Amino acid sequence: MRYNDTCKKKDLIDNSNLDDINLNKNLLFDNFIWLTTKEAAEYLRTSPGQMRKWVYQGRVNAYKLLGKSLRFKKSELDHLIQGGRVWE
């Protein structure tokens, strides 16, 4: 089977729901800038260990998007800086 034949068969698939799926996916992730633990620590001028400690203490929100690694929303870190809730 040639490449063009494969493409034609794929074009026969009903794509009506794909736009809705892509829109929902974009709403979940496009509005946020996600930082790793290391990036968040650098942004807050602290260590990755301190970031994990703050997560454990409930001072900073962290999310597990894929696998075990933590991710932080930059907008939440900005809010913490402005509100001063992070600093000991």
C-alpha atoms as a PDB file:
ATOM      1  CA  MET A   1       0.000   0.000   0.000  1.00  0.00           C
ATOM      2  CA  ARG A   2       1.359   3.370  -0.956  1.00  0.00           C
ATOM      3  CA  TYR A   3       1.465   6.447   1.266  1.00  0.00           C
ATOM      4  CA  ASN A   4      -1.244   8.222  -0.755  1.00  0.00           C
ATOM      5  CA  ASP A   5      -3.590   5.233  -0.404  1.00  0.00           C
ATOM      6  CA  THR A   6      -3.112   5.295   3.360  1.00  0.00           C
ATOM      7  CA  CYS A   7      -3.876   9.016   3.508  1.00  0.00           C
ATOM      8  CA  LYS A   8      -7.058   8.540   1.524  1.00  0.00           C
ATOM      9  CA  LYS A   9      -8.254   5.835   3.924  1.00  0.00           C
ATOM     10  CA  LYS A  10      -7.513   8.037   6.924  1.00  0.00           C
ATOM     11  CA  ASP A  11      -9.522  10.839   5.333  1.00  0.00           C
ATOM     12  CA  LEU A  12     -12.580   8.579   5.446  1.00  0.00           C
ATOM     13  CA  ILE A  13     -12.555   8.613   9.275  1.00  0.00           C
ATOM     14  CA  ASP A  14     -15.225  10.856  10.809  1.00  0.00           C
ATOM     15  CA  ASN A  15     -13.351  13.876  12.169  1.00  0.00           C
ATOM     16  CA  SER A  16     -16.391  15.720  13.531  1.00  0.00           C
ATOM     17  CA  ASN A  17     -15.395  15.186  17.180  1.00  0.00           C
ATOM     18  CA  LEU A  18     -11.704  15.953  16.732  1.00  0.00           C
ATOM     19  CA  ASP A  19     -12.261  19.712  16.787  1.00  0.00           C
ATOM     20  CA  ASP A  20     -14.124  19.435  20.099  1.00  0.00           C
ATOM     21  CA  ILE A  21     -11.396  17.254  21.585  1.00  0.00           C
ATOM     22  CA  ASN A  22      -8.634  19.629  20.470  1.00  0.00           C
ATOM     23  CA  LEU A  23     -10.553  22.627  21.815  1.00  0.00           C
ATOM     24  CA  ASN A  24     -10.975  20.994  25.236  1.00  0.00           C
ATOM     25  CA  LYS A  25      -7.308  19.997  25.331  1.00  0.00           C
ATOM     26  CA  ASN A  26      -6.236  23.544  24.509  1.00  0.00           C
ATOM     27  CA  LEU A  27      -8.482  25.005  27.194  1.00  0.00           C
ATOM     28  CA  LEU A  28      -6.762  22.809  29.757  1.00  0.00           C
ATOM     29  CA  PHE A  29      -3.182  23.644  28.861  1.00  0.00           C
ATOM     30  CA  ASP A  30      -2.907  26.804  26.735  1.00  0.00           C
ATOM     31  CA  ASN A  31      -3.725  29.225  29.536  1.00  0.00           C
ATOM     32  CA  PHE A  32      -0.928  28.004  31.799  1.00  0.00           C
ATOM     33  CA  ILE A  33       2.830  28.099  31.749  1.00  0.00           C
ATOM     34  CA  TRP A  34       4.029  24.967  33.506  1.00  0.00           C
ATOM     35  CA  LEU A  35       7.383  24.872  35.312  1.00  0.00           C
ATOM     36  CA  THR A  36       9.371  21.897  36.529  1.00  0.00           C
ATOM     37  CA  THR A  37      10.523  21.760  40.150  1.00  0.00           C
ATOM     38  CA  LYS A  38      13.948  23.046  39.136  1.00  0.00           C
ATOM     39  CA  GLU A  39      12.500  25.874  37.025  1.00  0.00           C
ATOM     40  CA  ALA A  40      10.065  26.869  39.780  1.00  0.00           C
ATOM     41  CA  ALA A  41      12.889  26.878  42.330  1.00  0.00           C
ATOM     42  CA  GLU A  42      15.004  29.113  40.103  1.00  0.00           C
ATOM     43  CA  TYR A  43      12.018  31.395  39.525  1.00  0.00           C
ATOM     44  CA  LEU A  44      11.464  31.759  43.296  1.00  0.00           C
ATOM     45  CA  ARG A  45      15.227  31.872  43.966  1.00  0.00           C
ATOM     46  CA  THR A  46      15.244  28.835  46.202  1.00  0.00           C
ATOM     47  CA  SER A  47      16.265  25.179  45.931  1.00  0.00           C
ATOM     48  CA  PRO A  48      14.302  22.274  44.437  1.00  0.00           C
ATOM     49  CA  GLY A  49      14.365  20.651  47.880  1.00  0.00           C
ATOM     50  CA  GLN A  50      12.728  23.718  49.397  1.00  0.00           C
ATOM     51  CA  MET A  51      10.056  23.613  46.676  1.00  0.00           C
ATOM     52  CA  ARG A  52       9.253  19.997  47.557  1.00  0.00           C
ATOM     53  CA  LYS A  53       9.144  20.939  51.250  1.00  0.00           C
ATOM     54  CA  TRP A  54       6.666  23.760  50.533  1.00  0.00           C
ATOM     55  CA  VAL A  55       4.509  21.345  48.522  1.00  0.00           C
ATOM     56  CA  TYR A  56       4.524  18.876  51.430  1.00  0.00           C
ATOM     57  CA  GLN A  57       3.616  21.683  53.849  1.00  0.00           C
ATOM     58  CA  GLY A  58       0.784  22.837  51.576  1.00  0.00           C
ATOM     59  CA  ARG A  59       2.313  26.258  50.935  1.00  0.00           C
ATOM     60  CA  VAL A  60       2.675  25.741  47.175  1.00  0.00           C
ATOM     61  CA  ASN A  61       0.367  23.901  44.783  1.00  0.00           C
ATOM     62  CA  ALA A  62       1.973  21.258  42.583  1.00  0.00           C
ATOM     63  CA  TYR A  63       0.495  19.037  39.898  1.00  0.00           C
ATOM     64  CA  LYS A  64       1.500  15.696  38.401  1.00  0.00           C
ATOM     65  CA  LEU A  65       0.745  16.053  34.698  1.00  0.00           C
ATOM     66  CA  LEU A  66       2.613  13.057  33.307  1.00  0.00           C
ATOM     67  CA  GLY A  67       4.211  10.420  35.446  1.00  0.00           C
ATOM     68  CA  LYS A  68       5.698  11.276  38.818  1.00  0.00           C
ATOM     69  CA  SER A  69       7.343  14.620  38.150  1.00  0.00           C
ATOM     70  CA  LEU A  70       5.794  17.716  39.695  1.00  0.00           C
ATOM     71  CA  ARG A  71       4.739  20.751  37.701  1.00  0.00           C
ATOM     72  CA  PHE A  72       3.921  24.230  38.937  1.00  0.00           C
ATOM     73  CA  LYS A  73       1.693  26.872  37.354  1.00  0.00           C
ATOM     74  CA  LYS A  74       3.704  30.042  36.829  1.00  0.00           C
ATOM     75  CA  SER A  75       0.584  32.136  37.444  1.00  0.00           C
ATOM     76  CA  GLU A  76       0.200  30.580  40.907  1.00  0.00           C
ATOM     77  CA  LEU A  77       3.857  31.243  41.695  1.00  0.00           C
ATOM     78  CA  ASP A  78       3.358  34.871  40.623  1.00  0.00           C
ATOM     79  CA  HIS A  79       0.379  35.093  42.962  1.00  0.00           C
ATOM     80  CA  LEU A  80       2.427  33.638  45.811  1.00  0.00           C
ATOM     81  CA  ILE A  81       5.193  36.176  45.227  1.00  0.00           C
ATOM     82  CA  GLN A  82       2.732  39.059  45.259  1.00  0.00           C
ATOM     83  CA  GLY A  83       0.861  37.751  48.296  1.00  0.00           C
ATOM     84  CA  GLY A  84       3.999  36.777  50.172  1.00  0.00           C
ATOM     85  CA  ARG A  85       2.522  33.440  51.241  1.00  0.00           C
ATOM     86  CA  VAL A  86       5.543  31.397  50.188  1.00  0.00           C
ATOM     87  CA  TRP A  87       8.246  33.057  52.225  1.00  0.00           C
ATOM     88  CA  GLU A  88       9.014  31.784  55.725  1.00  0.00           C
END
